[in-house]
């Protein structure tokens, strides 16, 4: 899961990712507020159009839909990898779902003032039953 770094920051990143999964599942914007950097951006493409959301726009999407918990959906959270480029930068690849939509997320992480935050998210969506 890591690429040679076995320091405490991997545990901190794993905790942040769990909070990310919980925030998605619960639709909890307070959790998202803690883990997304104020300048965070989110990106996706279907091969033609580019989705480019600010943190504010993404929070509106999350806040405007019924949460997976409210829908009684099963969780599909999984950390695929964590790669650290240095002491304060990392990339996490994760899977999660809001069935029938299944996501692969690339989360770029930075540590500022001792706290890990998501600075960007690039995601791909597959739709299937």
Protein backbone atom coordinates (compact mmCIF):
# COMPACT_ATOMS: atom_id res chain seq x y z
CA UNK A 1 0.00 0.00 0.00
CA UNK A 2 2.92 2.34 0.50
CA UNK A 3 5.96 2.86 -1.65
CA UNK A 4 8.70 2.47 0.93
CA UNK A 5 7.60 5.06 3.50
CA UNK A 6 6.66 3.44 6.77
CA UNK A 7 6.52 6.55 8.91
CA UNK A 8 3.67 7.81 11.06
CA UNK A 9 2.32 9.99 8.26
CA UNK A 10 0.99 6.90 6.47
CA UNK A 11 -1.24 6.34 9.50
CA UNK A 12 -2.31 9.99 9.40
CA UNK A 13 -3.14 9.70 5.70
CA UNK A 14 -5.10 6.49 6.32
CA UNK A 15 -7.11 8.29 9.01
CA UNK A 16 -7.82 11.16 6.59
CA UNK A 17 -8.98 8.65 3.95
CA UNK A 18 -11.30 6.98 6.45
CA UNK A 19 -12.78 10.38 7.25
CA UNK A 20 -13.17 10.94 3.49
CA UNK A 21 -15.05 7.63 3.13
CA UNK A 22 -17.22 8.42 6.17
CA UNK A 23 -17.96 11.92 4.85
CA UNK A 24 -19.01 10.52 1.48
CA UNK A 25 -21.17 7.80 2.99
CA UNK A 26 -22.84 10.11 5.51
CA UNK A 27 -22.98 13.22 3.31
CA UNK A 28 -21.16 14.96 6.18
CA UNK A 29 -19.91 18.36 5.04
CA UNK A 30 -18.30 19.06 8.44
CA UNK A 31 -15.95 16.12 7.86
CA UNK A 32 -15.27 17.35 4.34
CA UNK A 33 -14.55 20.82 5.67
CA UNK A 34 -11.81 19.33 7.87
CA UNK A 35 -10.14 17.25 5.15
CA UNK A 36 -10.44 19.35 1.96
CA UNK A 37 -8.07 22.28 1.60
CA UNK A 38 -9.93 25.57 0.95
CA UNK A 39 -8.35 25.76 -2.53
CA UNK A 40 -9.20 22.16 -3.47
CA UNK A 41 -10.48 21.37 -6.96
CA UNK A 42 -12.14 18.28 -8.39
CA UNK A 43 -11.85 17.02 -11.93
CA UNK A 44 -13.39 14.32 -14.11
CA UNK A 45 -14.00 13.66 -17.78
CA UNK A 46 -16.13 11.37 -19.89
CA UNK A 47 -13.63 11.72 -22.72
CA UNK A 48 -15.39 14.77 -24.15
CA UNK A 49 -16.44 17.17 -21.41
CA UNK A 50 -14.33 18.24 -18.44
CA UNK A 51 -15.85 18.52 -14.98
CA UNK A 52 -13.96 21.14 -12.97
CA UNK A 53 -15.51 21.87 -9.59
CA UNK A 54 -14.27 24.13 -6.85
CA UNK A 55 -14.51 22.85 -3.31
CA UNK A 56 -17.66 24.96 -2.86
CA UNK A 57 -19.32 23.44 -5.93
CA UNK A 58 -18.41 19.92 -4.81
CA UNK A 59 -19.81 20.56 -1.32
CA UNK A 60 -23.06 21.75 -2.93
CA UNK A 61 -23.28 18.47 -4.86
CA UNK A 62 -22.67 16.41 -1.72
CA UNK A 63 -25.08 18.51 0.37
CA UNK A 64 -27.78 18.42 -2.31
CA UNK A 65 -28.14 14.66 -2.57
CA UNK A 66 -29.44 11.96 -0.30
CA UNK A 67 -26.52 10.26 1.44
CA UNK A 68 -25.64 6.62 0.91
CA UNK A 69 -26.44 6.01 4.59
CA UNK A 70 -29.90 7.56 4.15
CA UNK A 71 -30.45 5.32 1.13
CA UNK A 72 -29.34 2.24 3.08
CA UNK A 73 -26.61 1.46 0.52
CA UNK A 74 -23.73 -0.89 1.24
CA UNK A 75 -20.27 0.62 1.57
CA UNK A 76 -17.61 -0.07 -1.06
CA UNK A 77 -14.64 1.79 0.45
CA UNK A 78 -11.14 0.62 -0.38
CA UNK A 79 -7.68 2.18 -0.27
CA UNK A 80 -5.78 0.92 -3.31
CA UNK A 81 -2.51 2.77 -2.76
CA UNK A 82 -0.73 5.59 -0.98
CA UNK A 83 2.38 7.02 -2.61
CA UNK A 84 4.46 9.66 -0.88
CA UNK A 85 6.63 11.94 -2.98
CA UNK A 86 8.14 13.53 0.10
CA UNK A 87 7.32 14.37 3.70
CA UNK A 88 4.45 16.73 2.80
CA UNK A 89 3.00 15.43 -0.48
CA UNK A 90 1.21 12.20 -1.32
CA UNK A 91 -1.18 10.60 -3.78
CA UNK A 92 -3.88 8.16 -2.68
CA UNK A 93 -5.90 5.98 -5.02
CA UNK A 94 -9.23 4.82 -3.58
CA UNK A 95 -12.46 3.14 -4.62
CA UNK A 96 -15.90 4.05 -3.31
CA UNK A 97 -19.46 3.85 -4.59
CA UNK A 98 -22.93 5.23 -4.60
CA UNK A 99 -24.47 2.26 -6.44
CA UNK A 100 -24.99 1.98 -9.33
CA UNK A 101 -22.07 4.47 -9.67
CA UNK A 102 -18.62 3.17 -8.75
CA UNK A 103 -15.72 5.60 -8.43
CA UNK A 104 -11.95 5.49 -8.66
CA UNK A 105 -10.52 8.61 -7.04
CA UNK A 106 -7.00 9.99 -7.25
CA UNK A 107 -6.59 12.20 -4.19
CA UNK A 108 -3.59 14.54 -4.13
CA UNK A 109 -2.66 15.27 -0.53
CA UNK A 110 -0.54 17.98 1.04
CA UNK A 111 0.52 18.50 4.63
CA UNK A 112 0.39 22.09 5.82
CA UNK A 113 0.93 23.12 9.44
CA UNK A 114 1.19 19.43 10.34
CA UNK A 115 -2.24 18.54 8.91
CA UNK A 116 -2.93 16.43 5.81
CA UNK A 117 -5.54 17.86 3.42
CA UNK A 118 -6.95 16.91 0.03
CA UNK A 119 -5.87 19.59 -2.45
CA UNK A 120 -7.25 17.90 -5.58
CA UNK A 121 -9.44 15.00 -6.57
CA UNK A 122 -9.59 13.48 -10.04
CA UNK A 123 -12.19 10.78 -10.43
CA UNK A 124 -13.60 8.26 -12.88
CA UNK A 125 -17.11 6.84 -12.67
CA UNK A 126 -18.35 3.47 -13.88
CA UNK A 127 -22.07 2.80 -13.84
CA UNK A 128 -23.30 -0.79 -13.45
CA UNK A 129 -25.65 -2.87 -11.35
